[in-house]
Structure formats: structure tokens, C-alpha cells
Amino acid sequence: MAKVVHFEVPSDEIERAKTFYRDVFEWSFSRWDGPSEYWLADTGEGEGIGGGFLKRQLPGQPILMTVEIEKIEVTLAKVIAGGGEIVGGPMTIPGVGHIAYIQDTEGNLLGIMEKLPDEA
């Protein structure tokens, strides 16, 4: 069974968004060492998942959840067969995994990720 492993919160002002989530949910943040401004969110110990905060790139850009899957090509084929659409990727993020973005039959955007073998 695939599970949600990550979320992204697009923000017009990342610092304002981080302050809100820190104050409301007591999340903590650390800067990701990547090519663009991206903050990793630590949502606490236990069953919760972590996420990221990034600069909003599109008007109305929604919060995005990412689902970990076994094989990206197999899942992409299932997306198409099920009436969904591939809207980005697949691409590889070094040290993370193979990522693609899909749209479900209701127009919702999701990320899917196959972890790299050394990250599994």
C-alpha cells in the first residue's frame, strides 16, 4: 500500500508561512541545501510526515502531497489507465528519488516518488 510521505506548502511569503505553522502547530524548520529556497518542516515524532515550504510559483497553487510508490514507471502507467494525467517528470532528485507529478480524475495534483535504492 502506498503512503503519503511528504507535503509541500507554497507560500507568497515563506517566513510568514513558517511563523504561522511554527506558532500554530509548533513545527520547526531547516533550510534544504538545494538550488532554490526550500525549507524542510519537522512536524514531530511518531506517525506524522515531514514537508517543505517553497515560494509560490503559480496563482492558487495548492498544498501538494507526495505518495511513496515502488516503481515510478508502473505507477505512471496506472495513472494513465485510471484516467489521470502525468503533468510533470519523471525526474531524479539526487539523494532523494525519482519524482513525477500527476493529476487525478478530479483535477487534484499529487506528487509520486520512488526512493533511490540507497535511500530505501
PDB file of N, CA and C in Angstrom:
ATOM      1  N   MET A   1       0.847  -1.174   0.000  1.00  0.00           N
ATOM      2  CA  MET A   1       0.000   0.000   0.000  1.00  0.00           C
ATOM      3  C   MET A   1       0.895   1.240   0.000  1.00  0.00           C
ATOM      4  N   ALA A   2       0.604   2.175  -0.868  1.00  0.00           N
ATOM      5  CA  ALA A   2       1.368   3.410  -0.940  1.00  0.00           C
ATOM      6  C   ALA A   2       0.936   4.352   0.177  1.00  0.00           C
ATOM      7  N   LYS A   3       1.899   5.117   0.725  1.00  0.00           N
ATOM      8  CA  LYS A   3       1.559   6.029   1.803  1.00  0.00           C
ATOM      9  C   LYS A   3       2.055   7.435   1.493  1.00  0.00           C
ATOM     10  N   VAL A   4       1.394   8.414   2.086  1.00  0.00           N
ATOM     11  CA  VAL A   4       1.817   9.799   1.938  1.00  0.00           C
ATOM     12  C   VAL A   4       3.095   9.972   2.744  1.00  0.00           C
ATOM     13  N   VAL A   5       4.147  10.510   2.102  1.00  0.00           N
ATOM     14  CA  VAL A   5       5.440  10.637   2.761  1.00  0.00           C
ATOM     15  C   VAL A   5       5.944  12.069   2.842  1.00  0.00           C
ATOM     16  N   HIS A   6       5.270  13.012   2.185  1.00  0.00           N
ATOM     17  CA  HIS A   6       5.782  14.377   2.147  1.00  0.00           C
ATOM     18  C   HIS A   6       4.660  15.304   1.708  1.00  0.00           C
ATOM     19  N   PHE A   7       4.734  16.548   2.103  1.00  0.00           N
ATOM     20  CA  PHE A   7       3.811  17.558   1.615  1.00  0.00           C
ATOM     21  C   PHE A   7       4.593  18.835   1.325  1.00  0.00           C
ATOM     22  N   GLU A   8       4.029  19.696   0.501  1.00  0.00           N
ATOM     23  CA  GLU A   8       4.644  20.990   0.206  1.00  0.00           C
ATOM     24  C   GLU A   8       3.604  22.087   0.374  1.00  0.00           C
ATOM     25  N   VAL A   9       4.006  23.168   1.013  1.00  0.00           N
ATOM     26  CA  VAL A   9       3.140  24.314   1.221  1.00  0.00           C
ATOM     27  C   VAL A   9       3.699  25.481   0.425  1.00  0.00           C
ATOM     28  N   PRO A  10       3.057  25.841  -0.693  1.00  0.00           N
ATOM     29  CA  PRO A  10       3.512  27.004  -1.453  1.00  0.00           C
ATOM     30  C   PRO A  10       3.146  28.274  -0.697  1.00  0.00           C
ATOM     31  N   SER A  11       4.041  29.254  -0.717  1.00  0.00           N
ATOM     32  CA  SER A  11       3.855  30.445   0.101  1.00  0.00           C
ATOM     33  C   SER A  11       4.247  31.698  -0.667  1.00  0.00           C
ATOM     34  N   ASP A  12       3.441  32.741  -0.535  1.00  0.00           N
ATOM     35  CA  ASP A  12       3.811  34.033  -1.096  1.00  0.00           C
ATOM     36  C   ASP A  12       4.965  34.639  -0.299  1.00  0.00           C
ATOM     37  N   GLU A  13       4.930  34.460   1.024  1.00  0.00           N
ATOM     38  CA  GLU A  13       5.999  34.906   1.909  1.00  0.00           C
ATOM     39  C   GLU A  13       6.352  33.742   2.828  1.00  0.00           C
ATOM     40  N   ILE A  14       7.458  33.076   2.510  1.00  0.00           N
ATOM     41  CA  ILE A  14       7.829  31.856   3.223  1.00  0.00           C
ATOM     42  C   ILE A  14       8.001  32.113   4.716  1.00  0.00           C
ATOM     43  N   GLU A  15       8.645  33.220   5.092  1.00  0.00           N
ATOM     44  CA  GLU A  15       8.860  33.494   6.515  1.00  0.00           C
ATOM     45  C   GLU A  15       7.536  33.645   7.254  1.00  0.00           C
ATOM     46  N   ARG A  16       6.575  34.327   6.640  1.00  0.00           N
ATOM     47  CA  ARG A  16       5.261  34.493   7.257  1.00  0.00           C
ATOM     48  C   ARG A  16       4.585  33.130   7.431  1.00  0.00           C
ATOM     49  N   ALA A  17       4.669  32.283   6.404  1.00  0.00           N
ATOM     50  CA  ALA A  17       4.060  30.948   6.486  1.00  0.00           C
ATOM     51  C   ALA A  17       4.733  30.105   7.559  1.00  0.00           C
ATOM     52  N   LYS A  18       6.060  30.126   7.604  1.00  0.00           N
ATOM     53  CA  LYS A  18       6.779  29.361   8.628  1.00  0.00           C
ATOM     54  C   LYS A  18       6.382  29.821  10.030  1.00  0.00           C
ATOM     55  N   THR A  19       6.267  31.119  10.212  1.00  0.00           N
ATOM     56  CA  THR A  19       5.870  31.652  11.517  1.00  0.00           C
ATOM     57  C   THR A  19       4.491  31.146  11.905  1.00  0.00           C
ATOM     58  N   PHE A  20       3.560  31.163  10.959  1.00  0.00           N
ATOM     59  CA  PHE A  20       2.206  30.673  11.230  1.00  0.00           C
ATOM     60  C   PHE A  20       2.237  29.218  11.674  1.00  0.00           C
ATOM     61  N   TYR A  21       2.884  28.341  10.908  1.00  0.00           N
ATOM     62  CA  TYR A  21       2.901  26.914  11.220  1.00  0.00           C
ATOM     63  C   TYR A  21       3.712  26.622  12.489  1.00  0.00           C
ATOM     64  N   ARG A  22       4.751  27.413  12.737  1.00  0.00           N
ATOM     65  CA  ARG A  22       5.520  27.264  13.973  1.00  0.00           C
ATOM     66  C   ARG A  22       4.647  27.637  15.178  1.00  0.00           C
ATOM     67  N   ASP A  23       3.945  28.760  15.074  1.00  0.00           N
ATOM     68  CA  ASP A  23       3.126  29.230  16.190  1.00  0.00           C
ATOM     69  C   ASP A  23       1.889  28.361  16.419  1.00  0.00           C
ATOM     70  N   VAL A  24       1.263  27.909  15.358  1.00  0.00           N
ATOM     71  CA  VAL A  24       0.024  27.144  15.489  1.00  0.00           C
ATOM     72  C   VAL A  24       0.287  25.676  15.827  1.00  0.00           C
ATOM     73  N   PHE A  25       1.259  25.045  15.141  1.00  0.00           N
ATOM     74  CA  PHE A  25       1.470  23.602  15.292  1.00  0.00           C
ATOM     75  C   PHE A  25       2.794  23.231  15.963  1.00  0.00           C
ATOM     76  N   GLU A  26       3.612  24.243  16.278  1.00  0.00           N
ATOM     77  CA  GLU A  26       4.919  24.026  16.902  1.00  0.00           C
ATOM     78  C   GLU A  26       5.886  23.246  16.016  1.00  0.00           C
ATOM     79  N   TRP A  27       5.751  23.413  14.691  1.00  0.00           N
ATOM     80  CA  TRP A  27       6.685  22.789  13.763  1.00  0.00           C
ATOM     81  C   TRP A  27       7.992  23.558  13.783  1.00  0.00           C
ATOM     82  N   SER A  28       9.092  22.862  13.431  1.00  0.00           N
ATOM     83  CA  SER A  28      10.386  23.525  13.284  1.00  0.00           C
ATOM     84  C   SER A  28      10.838  23.388  11.827  1.00  0.00           C
ATOM     85  N   PHE A  29      11.776  24.236  11.431  1.00  0.00           N
ATOM     86  CA  PHE A  29      12.189  24.307  10.029  1.00  0.00           C
ATOM     87  C   PHE A  29      13.701  24.334   9.899  1.00  0.00           C
ATOM     88  N   SER A  30      14.187  23.751   8.812  1.00  0.00           N
ATOM     89  CA  SER A  30      15.608  23.831   8.477  1.00  0.00           C
ATOM     90  C   SER A  30      15.731  24.034   6.970  1.00  0.00           C
ATOM     91  N   ARG A  31      16.697  24.830   6.572  1.00  0.00           N
ATOM     92  CA  ARG A  31      16.901  25.152   5.158  1.00  0.00           C
ATOM     93  C   ARG A  31      17.472  23.940   4.442  1.00  0.00           C
ATOM     94  N   TRP A  32      16.874  23.579   3.288  1.00  0.00           N
ATOM     95  CA  TRP A  32      17.372  22.490   2.455  1.00  0.00           C
ATOM     96  C   TRP A  32      18.518  23.028   1.616  1.00  0.00           C
ATOM     97  N   ASP A  33      19.574  22.258   1.490  1.00  0.00           N
ATOM     98  CA  ASP A  33      20.754  22.673   0.737  1.00  0.00           C
ATOM     99  C   ASP A  33      20.599  22.317  -0.737  1.00  0.00           C
ATOM    100  N   GLY A  34      19.656  22.962  -1.395  1.00  0.00           N
ATOM    101  CA  GLY A  34      19.393  22.703  -2.803  1.00  0.00           C
ATOM    102  C   GLY A  34      19.511  23.970  -3.616  1.00  0.00           C
ATOM    103  N   PRO A  35      19.167  23.896  -4.893  1.00  0.00           N
ATOM    104  CA  PRO A  35      19.362  25.032  -5.799  1.00  0.00           C
ATOM    105  C   PRO A  35      18.359  26.176  -5.624  1.00  0.00           C
ATOM    106  N   SER A  36      17.273  25.953  -4.882  1.00  0.00           N
ATOM    107  CA  SER A  36      16.294  27.015  -4.682  1.00  0.00           C
ATOM    108  C   SER A  36      15.908  27.073  -3.204  1.00  0.00           C
ATOM    109  N   GLU A  37      15.286  28.182  -2.802  1.00  0.00           N
ATOM    110  CA  GLU A  37      14.891  28.318  -1.407  1.00  0.00           C
ATOM    111  C   GLU A  37      13.806  27.293  -1.080  1.00  0.00           C
ATOM    112  N   TYR A  38      14.108  26.437  -0.130  1.00  0.00           N
ATOM    113  CA  TYR A  38      13.199  25.365   0.253  1.00  0.00           C
ATOM    114  C   TYR A  38      13.476  25.057   1.711  1.00  0.00           C
ATOM    115  N   TRP A  39      12.426  25.056   2.515  1.00  0.00           N
ATOM    116  CA  TRP A  39      12.553  24.814   3.944  1.00  0.00           C
ATOM    117  C   TRP A  39      11.869  23.506   4.307  1.00  0.00           C
ATOM    118  N   LEU A  40      12.591  22.604   4.962  1.00  0.00           N
ATOM    119  CA  LEU A  40      12.024  21.343   5.418  1.00  0.00           C
ATOM    120  C   LEU A  40      11.288  21.580   6.731  1.00  0.00           C
ATOM    121  N   ALA A  41      10.101  21.010   6.845  1.00  0.00           N
ATOM    122  CA  ALA A  41       9.290  21.145   8.047  1.00  0.00           C
ATOM    123  C   ALA A  41       9.356  19.858   8.853  1.00  0.00           C
ATOM    124  N   ASP A  42       9.697  19.974  10.121  1.00  0.00           N
ATOM    125  CA  ASP A  42       9.678  18.844  11.042  1.00  0.00           C
ATOM    126  C   ASP A  42       8.372  18.936  11.808  1.00  0.00           C
ATOM    127  N   THR A  43       7.478  17.967  11.587  1.00  0.00           N
ATOM    128  CA  THR A  43       6.153  18.010  12.198  1.00  0.00           C
ATOM    129  C   THR A  43       6.072  17.182  13.482  1.00  0.00           C
ATOM    130  N   GLY A  44       7.199  16.682  13.958  1.00  0.00           N
ATOM    131  CA  GLY A  44       7.210  15.958  15.220  1.00  0.00           C
ATOM    132  C   GLY A  44       7.488  14.483  15.051  1.00  0.00           C
ATOM    133  N   GLU A  45       7.658  13.824  16.181  1.00  0.00           N
ATOM    134  CA  GLU A  45       7.966  12.395  16.184  1.00  0.00           C
ATOM    135  C   GLU A  45       6.715  11.555  16.000  1.00  0.00           C
ATOM    136  N   GLY A  46       6.908  10.296  15.662  1.00  0.00           N
ATOM    137  CA  GLY A  46       5.790   9.371  15.575  1.00  0.00           C
ATOM    138  C   GLY A  46       5.343   9.131  14.152  1.00  0.00           C
ATOM    139  N   GLU A  47       4.043   9.041  13.961  1.00  0.00           N
ATOM    140  CA  GLU A  47       3.458   8.659  12.686  1.00  0.00           C
ATOM    141  C   GLU A  47       3.363   9.788  11.673  1.00  0.00           C
ATOM    142  N   GLY A  48       3.613  11.028  12.081  1.00  0.00           N
ATOM    143  CA  GLY A  48       3.466  12.162  11.177  1.00  0.00           C
ATOM    144  C   GLY A  48       4.494  12.149  10.057  1.00  0.00           C
ATOM    145  N   ILE A  49       4.256  12.973   9.061  1.00  0.00           N
ATOM    146  CA  ILE A  49       5.184  13.093   7.943  1.00  0.00           C
ATOM    147  C   ILE A  49       5.785  14.487   7.940  1.00  0.00           C
ATOM    148  N   GLY A  50       6.935  14.627   7.314  1.00  0.00           N
ATOM    149  CA  GLY A  50       7.568  15.925   7.157  1.00  0.00           C
ATOM    150  C   GLY A  50       7.138  16.555   5.849  1.00  0.00           C
ATOM    151  N   GLY A  51       7.491  17.804   5.697  1.00  0.00           N
ATOM    152  CA  GLY A  51       7.108  18.505   4.492  1.00  0.00           C
ATOM    153  C   GLY A  51       8.085  19.592   4.151  1.00  0.00           C
ATOM    154  N   GLY A  52       7.698  20.436   3.210  1.00  0.00           N
ATOM    155  CA  GLY A  52       8.555  21.530   2.789  1.00  0.00           C
ATOM    156  C   GLY A  52       7.753  22.779   2.481  1.00  0.00           C
ATOM    157  N   PHE A  53       8.412  23.914   2.602  1.00  0.00           N
ATOM    158  CA  PHE A  53       7.818  25.204   2.275  1.00  0.00           C
ATOM    159  C   PHE A  53       8.638  25.829   1.164  1.00  0.00           C
ATOM    160  N   LEU A  54       7.965  26.325   0.129  1.00  0.00           N
ATOM    161  CA  LEU A  54       8.631  26.901  -1.018  1.00  0.00           C
ATOM    162  C   LEU A  54       7.872  28.119  -1.503  1.00  0.00           C
ATOM    163  N   LYS A  55       8.537  28.935  -2.316  1.00  0.00           N
ATOM    164  CA  LYS A  55       7.911  30.122  -2.891  1.00  0.00           C
ATOM    165  C   LYS A  55       6.818  29.684  -3.859  1.00  0.00           C
ATOM    166  N   ARG A  56       5.627  30.310  -3.739  1.00  0.00           N
ATOM    167  CA  ARG A  56       4.515  30.002  -4.638  1.00  0.00           C
ATOM    168  C   ARG A  56       4.950  30.311  -6.076  1.00  0.00           C
ATOM    169  N   GLN A  57       4.692  29.386  -6.994  1.00  0.00           N
ATOM    170  CA  GLN A  57       5.098  29.537  -8.384  1.00  0.00           C
ATOM    171  C   GLN A  57       3.930  29.802  -9.314  1.00  0.00           C
ATOM    172  N   LEU A  58       2.714  29.427  -8.907  1.00  0.00           N
ATOM    173  CA  LEU A  58       1.525  29.620  -9.728  1.00  0.00           C
ATOM    174  C   LEU A  58       0.403  30.204  -8.878  1.00  0.00           C
ATOM    175  N   PRO A  59      -0.434  31.071  -9.426  1.00  0.00           N
ATOM    176  CA  PRO A  59      -1.574  31.577  -8.659  1.00  0.00           C
ATOM    177  C   PRO A  59      -2.474  30.419  -8.229  1.00  0.00           C
ATOM    178  N   GLY A  60      -2.893  30.431  -6.990  1.00  0.00           N
ATOM    179  CA  GLY A  60      -3.780  29.382  -6.493  1.00  0.00           C
ATOM    180  C   GLY A  60      -3.122  28.034  -6.311  1.00  0.00           C
ATOM    181  N   GLN A  61      -1.797  27.989  -6.348  1.00  0.00           N
ATOM    182  CA  GLN A  61      -1.071  26.719  -6.202  1.00  0.00           C
ATOM    183  C   GLN A  61      -1.460  26.048  -4.886  1.00  0.00           C
ATOM    184  N   PRO A  62      -1.934  24.800  -4.946  1.00  0.00           N
ATOM    185  CA  PRO A  62      -2.419  24.126  -3.733  1.00  0.00           C
ATOM    186  C   PRO A  62      -1.290  23.491  -2.928  1.00  0.00           C
ATOM    187  N   ILE A  63      -1.612  23.112  -1.685  1.00  0.00           N
ATOM    188  CA  ILE A  63      -0.709  22.260  -0.916  1.00  0.00           C
ATOM    189  C   ILE A  63      -0.607  20.942  -1.677  1.00  0.00           C
ATOM    190  N   LEU A  64       0.577  20.414  -1.775  1.00  0.00           N
ATOM    191  CA  LEU A  64       0.826  19.208  -2.559  1.00  0.00           C
ATOM    192  C   LEU A  64       1.259  18.074  -1.637  1.00  0.00           C
ATOM    193  N   MET A  65       0.612  16.917  -1.783  1.00  0.00           N
ATOM    194  CA  MET A  65       1.093  15.748  -1.047  1.00  0.00           C
ATOM    195  C   MET A  65       1.838  14.844  -2.011  1.00  0.00           C
ATOM    196  N   THR A  66       2.845  14.161  -1.478  1.00  0.00           N
ATOM    197  CA  THR A  66       3.641  13.229  -2.267  1.00  0.00           C
ATOM    198  C   THR A  66       3.463  11.836  -1.690  1.00  0.00           C
ATOM    199  N   VAL A  67       3.207  10.874  -2.568  1.00  0.00           N
ATOM    200  CA  VAL A  67       2.976   9.490  -2.177  1.00  0.00           C
ATOM    201  C   VAL A  67       4.181   8.659  -2.601  1.00  0.00           C
ATOM    202  N   GLU A  68       4.725   7.882  -1.663  1.00  0.00           N
ATOM    203  CA  GLU A  68       5.837   6.998  -1.982  1.00  0.00           C
ATOM    204  C   GLU A  68       5.292   5.746  -2.654  1.00  0.00           C
ATOM    205  N   ILE A  69       5.895   5.404  -3.788  1.00  0.00           N
ATOM    206  CA  ILE A  69       5.467   4.233  -4.552  1.00  0.00           C
ATOM    207  C   ILE A  69       6.681   3.337  -4.807  1.00  0.00           C
ATOM    208  N   GLU A  70       6.435   2.111  -5.278  1.00  0.00           N
ATOM    209  CA  GLU A  70       7.529   1.151  -5.507  1.00  0.00           C
ATOM    210  C   GLU A  70       8.300   1.449  -6.789  1.00  0.00           C
ATOM    211  N   LYS A  71       7.586   1.549  -7.919  1.00  0.00           N
ATOM    212  CA  LYS A  71       8.209   1.752  -9.233  1.00  0.00           C
ATOM    213  C   LYS A  71       7.484   2.865  -9.959  1.00  0.00           C
ATOM    214  N   ILE A  72       8.192   3.919 -10.278  1.00  0.00           N
ATOM    215  CA  ILE A  72       7.544   5.092 -10.859  1.00  0.00           C
ATOM    216  C   ILE A  72       6.912   4.794 -12.214  1.00  0.00           C
ATOM    217  N   GLU A  73       7.569   4.029 -13.065  1.00  0.00           N
ATOM    218  CA  GLU A  73       7.016   3.757 -14.400  1.00  0.00           C
ATOM    219  C   GLU A  73       5.732   2.929 -14.311  1.00  0.00           C
ATOM    220  N   VAL A  74       5.693   1.982 -13.375  1.00  0.00           N
ATOM    221  CA  VAL A  74       4.492   1.158 -13.183  1.00  0.00           C
ATOM    222  C   VAL A  74       3.336   2.041 -12.706  1.00  0.00           C
ATOM    223  N   THR A  75       3.623   2.920 -11.745  1.00  0.00           N
ATOM    224  CA  THR A  75       2.576   3.793 -11.212  1.00  0.00           C
ATOM    225  C   THR A  75       2.092   4.785 -12.261  1.00  0.00           C
ATOM    226  N   LEU A  76       3.005   5.328 -13.070  1.00  0.00           N
ATOM    227  CA  LEU A  76       2.591   6.253 -14.135  1.00  0.00           C
ATOM    228  C   LEU A  76       1.665   5.555 -15.130  1.00  0.00           C
ATOM    229  N   ALA A  77       1.935   4.297 -15.439  1.00  0.00           N
ATOM    230  CA  ALA A  77       1.060   3.544 -16.338  1.00  0.00           C
ATOM    231  C   ALA A  77      -0.329   3.371 -15.712  1.00  0.00           C
ATOM    232  N   LYS A  78      -0.372   3.135 -14.400  1.00  0.00           N
ATOM    233  CA  LYS A  78      -1.652   3.000 -13.703  1.00  0.00           C
ATOM    234  C   LYS A  78      -2.420   4.331 -13.692  1.00  0.00           C
ATOM    235  N   VAL A  79      -1.692   5.438 -13.575  1.00  0.00           N
ATOM    236  CA  VAL A  79      -2.325   6.764 -13.601  1.00  0.00           C
ATOM    237  C   VAL A  79      -3.058   6.961 -14.919  1.00  0.00           C
ATOM    238  N   ILE A  80      -2.373   6.681 -16.020  1.00  0.00           N
ATOM    239  CA  ILE A  80      -2.964   6.840 -17.356  1.00  0.00           C
ATOM    240  C   ILE A  80      -4.157   5.895 -17.523  1.00  0.00           C
ATOM    241  N   ALA A  81      -3.965   4.624 -17.139  1.00  0.00           N
ATOM    242  CA  ALA A  81      -5.046   3.641 -17.270  1.00  0.00           C
ATOM    243  C   ALA A  81      -6.263   4.015 -16.429  1.00  0.00           C
ATOM    244  N   GLY A  82      -6.036   4.696 -15.309  1.00  0.00           N
ATOM    245  CA  GLY A  82      -7.131   5.062 -14.428  1.00  0.00           C
ATOM    246  C   GLY A  82      -7.799   6.378 -14.774  1.00  0.00           C
ATOM    247  N   GLY A  83      -7.347   7.008 -15.867  1.00  0.00           N
ATOM    248  CA  GLY A  83      -7.974   8.255 -16.284  1.00  0.00           C
ATOM    249  C   GLY A  83      -7.280   9.503 -15.797  1.00  0.00           C
ATOM    250  N   GLY A  84      -6.129   9.355 -15.144  1.00  0.00           N
ATOM    251  CA  GLY A  84      -5.356  10.501 -14.684  1.00  0.00           C
ATOM    252  C   GLY A  84      -4.417  11.014 -15.763  1.00  0.00           C
ATOM    253  N   GLU A  85      -3.573  11.954 -15.388  1.00  0.00           N
ATOM    254  CA  GLU A  85      -2.673  12.584 -16.341  1.00  0.00           C
ATOM    255  C   GLU A  85      -1.316  12.812 -15.684  1.00  0.00           C
ATOM    256  N   ILE A  86      -0.253  12.653 -16.449  1.00  0.00           N
ATOM    257  CA  ILE A  86       1.093  12.986 -15.982  1.00  0.00           C
ATOM    258  C   ILE A  86       1.325  14.449 -16.343  1.00  0.00           C
ATOM    259  N   VAL A  87       1.632  15.285 -15.343  1.00  0.00           N
ATOM    260  CA  VAL A  87       1.791  16.708 -15.617  1.00  0.00           C
ATOM    261  C   VAL A  87       3.223  17.202 -15.425  1.00  0.00           C
ATOM    262  N   GLY A  88       4.097  16.366 -14.901  1.00  0.00           N
ATOM    263  CA  GLY A  88       5.495  16.747 -14.747  1.00  0.00           C
ATOM    264  C   GLY A  88       6.360  15.546 -14.461  1.00  0.00           C
ATOM    265  N   GLY A  89       7.563  15.525 -15.085  1.00  0.00           N
ATOM    266  CA  GLY A  89       8.500  14.438 -14.846  1.00  0.00           C
ATOM    267  C   GLY A  89       8.174  13.224 -15.699  1.00  0.00           C
ATOM    268  N   PRO A  90       8.774  12.108 -15.328  1.00  0.00           N
ATOM    269  CA  PRO A  90       9.563  11.925 -14.121  1.00  0.00           C
ATOM    270  C   PRO A  90      10.945  12.571 -14.218  1.00  0.00           C
ATOM    271  N   MET A  91      11.484  12.879 -13.048  1.00  0.00           N
ATOM    272  CA  MET A  91      12.831  13.430 -12.944  1.00  0.00           C
ATOM    273  C   MET A  91      13.470  12.839 -11.700  1.00  0.00           C
ATOM    274  N   THR A  92      14.781  12.928 -11.630  1.00  0.00           N
ATOM    275  CA  THR A  92      15.509  12.404 -10.483  1.00  0.00           C
ATOM    276  C   THR A  92      16.035  13.559  -9.652  1.00  0.00           C
ATOM    277  N   ILE A  93      15.785  13.495  -8.357  1.00  0.00           N
ATOM    278  CA  ILE A  93      16.376  14.444  -7.415  1.00  0.00           C
ATOM    279  C   ILE A  93      17.470  13.670  -6.695  1.00  0.00           C
ATOM    280  N   PRO A  94      18.747  14.024  -6.942  1.00  0.00           N
ATOM    281  CA  PRO A  94      19.855  13.282  -6.340  1.00  0.00           C
ATOM    282  C   PRO A  94      19.719  13.184  -4.824  1.00  0.00           C
ATOM    283  N   GLY A  95      19.939  11.978  -4.306  1.00  0.00           N
ATOM    284  CA  GLY A  95      19.859  11.739  -2.880  1.00  0.00           C
ATOM    285  C   GLY A  95      18.448  11.566  -2.355  1.00  0.00           C
ATOM    286  N   VAL A  96      17.450  11.735  -3.220  1.00  0.00           N
ATOM    287  CA  VAL A  96      16.058  11.636  -2.788  1.00  0.00           C
ATOM    288  C   VAL A  96      15.351  10.509  -3.538  1.00  0.00           C
ATOM    289  N   GLY A  97      15.126  10.699  -4.843  1.00  0.00           N
ATOM    290  CA  GLY A  97      14.426   9.672  -5.598  1.00  0.00           C
ATOM    291  C   GLY A  97      13.936  10.159  -6.937  1.00  0.00           C
ATOM    292  N   HIS A  98      13.167   9.325  -7.592  1.00  0.00           N
ATOM    293  CA  HIS A  98      12.543   9.644  -8.877  1.00  0.00           C
ATOM    294  C   HIS A  98      11.168  10.229  -8.569  1.00  0.00           C
ATOM    295  N   ILE A  99      10.896  11.415  -9.088  1.00  0.00           N
ATOM    296  CA  ILE A  99       9.688  12.167  -8.777  1.00  0.00           C
ATOM    297  C   ILE A  99       8.896  12.421 -10.059  1.00  0.00           C
ATOM    298  N   ALA A 100       7.589  12.375  -9.951  1.00  0.00           N
ATOM    299  CA  ALA A 100       6.710  12.805 -11.044  1.00  0.00           C
ATOM    300  C   ALA A 100       5.499  13.470 -10.405  1.00  0.00           C
ATOM    301  N   TYR A 101       4.822  14.289 -11.204  1.00  0.00           N
ATOM    302  CA  TYR A 101       3.609  14.958 -10.745  1.00  0.00           C
ATOM    303  C   TYR A 101       2.458  14.503 -11.618  1.00  0.00           C
ATOM    304  N   ILE A 102       1.360  14.173 -10.972  1.00  0.00           N
ATOM    305  CA  ILE A 102       0.200  13.644 -11.692  1.00  0.00           C
ATOM    306  C   ILE A 102      -1.038  14.433 -11.301  1.00  0.00           C
ATOM    307  N   GLN A 103      -2.050  14.309 -12.127  1.00  0.00           N
ATOM    308  CA  GLN A 103      -3.353  14.885 -11.820  1.00  0.00           C
ATOM    309  C   GLN A 103      -4.350  13.740 -11.792  1.00  0.00           C
ATOM    310  N   ASP A 104      -5.152  13.695 -10.730  1.00  0.00           N
ATOM    311  CA  ASP A 104      -6.143  12.630 -10.636  1.00  0.00           C
ATOM    312  C   ASP A 104      -7.359  12.958 -11.498  1.00  0.00           C
ATOM    313  N   THR A 105      -8.360  12.104 -11.463  1.00  0.00           N
ATOM    314  CA  THR A 105      -9.550  12.304 -12.298  1.00  0.00           C
ATOM    315  C   THR A 105     -10.378  13.507 -11.883  1.00  0.00           C
ATOM    316  N   GLU A 106     -10.099  14.064 -10.697  1.00  0.00           N
ATOM    317  CA  GLU A 106     -10.846  15.222 -10.199  1.00  0.00           C
ATOM    318  C   GLU A 106     -10.064  16.524 -10.345  1.00  0.00           C
ATOM    319  N   GLY A 107      -8.900  16.444 -10.985  1.00  0.00           N
ATOM    320  CA  GLY A 107      -8.094  17.644 -11.191  1.00  0.00           C
ATOM    321  C   GLY A 107      -7.132  17.961 -10.070  1.00  0.00           C
ATOM    322  N   ASN A 108      -7.004  17.072  -9.084  1.00  0.00           N
ATOM    323  CA  ASN A 108      -6.080  17.293  -7.976  1.00  0.00           C
ATOM    324  C   ASN A 108      -4.662  16.918  -8.372  1.00  0.00           C
ATOM    325  N   LEU A 109      -3.702  17.725  -7.954  1.00  0.00           N
ATOM    326  CA  LEU A 109      -2.292  17.494  -8.236  1.00  0.00           C
ATOM    327  C   LEU A 109      -1.667  16.703  -7.097  1.00  0.00           C
ATOM    328  N   LEU A 110      -0.890  15.674  -7.438  1.00  0.00           N
ATOM    329  CA  LEU A 110      -0.167  14.869  -6.458  1.00  0.00           C
ATOM    330  C   LEU A 110       1.248  14.639  -6.962  1.00  0.00           C
ATOM    331  N   GLY A 111       2.160  14.461  -6.032  1.00  0.00           N
ATOM    332  CA  GLY A 111       3.496  14.005  -6.366  1.00  0.00           C
ATOM    333  C   GLY A 111       3.585  12.522  -6.083  1.00  0.00           C
ATOM    334  N   ILE A 112       4.394  11.820  -6.862  1.00  0.00           N
ATOM    335  CA  ILE A 112       4.701  10.421  -6.564  1.00  0.00           C
ATOM    336  C   ILE A 112       6.212  10.292  -6.543  1.00  0.00           C
ATOM    337  N   MET A 113       6.730   9.434  -5.656  1.00  0.00           N
ATOM    338  CA  MET A 113       8.173   9.319  -5.500  1.00  0.00           C
ATOM    339  C   MET A 113       8.585   7.870  -5.316  1.00  0.00           C
ATOM    340  N   GLU A 114       9.539   7.460  -6.125  1.00  0.00           N
ATOM    341  CA  GLU A 114      10.221   6.168  -5.947  1.00  0.00           C
ATOM    342  C   GLU A 114      11.567   6.488  -5.324  1.00  0.00           C
ATOM    343  N   LYS A 115      11.794   6.020  -4.097  1.00  0.00           N
ATOM    344  CA  LYS A 115      13.064   6.285  -3.442  1.00  0.00           C
ATOM    345  C   LYS A 115      14.206   5.642  -4.227  1.00  0.00           C
ATOM    346  N   LEU A 116      15.352   6.287  -4.189  1.00  0.00           N
ATOM    347  CA  LEU A 116      16.541   5.696  -4.785  1.00  0.00           C
ATOM    348  C   LEU A 116      16.944   4.462  -3.989  1.00  0.00           C
ATOM    349  N   PRO A 117      17.546   3.461  -4.637  1.00  0.00           N
ATOM    350  CA  PRO A 117      17.873   2.212  -3.928  1.00  0.00           C
ATOM    351  C   PRO A 117      18.651   2.428  -2.636  1.00  0.00           C
ATOM    352  N   ASP A 118      19.600   3.357  -2.602  1.00  0.00           N
ATOM    353  CA  ASP A 118      20.390   3.565  -1.389  1.00  0.00           C
ATOM    354  C   ASP A 118      19.632   4.380  -0.350  1.00  0.00           C
ATOM    355  N   GLU A 119      18.440   4.914  -0.687  1.00  0.00           N
ATOM    356  CA  GLU A 119      17.626   5.695   0.237  1.00  0.00           C
ATOM    357  C   GLU A 119      16.463   4.887   0.797  1.00  0.00           C
ATOM    358  N   ALA A 120      16.246   3.668   0.295  1.00  0.00           N
ATOM    359  CA  ALA A 120      15.091   2.854   0.696  1.00  0.00           C
ATOM    360  C   ALA A 120      15.220   2.352   2.108  1.00  0.00           C
TER     361      ALA A 120
END
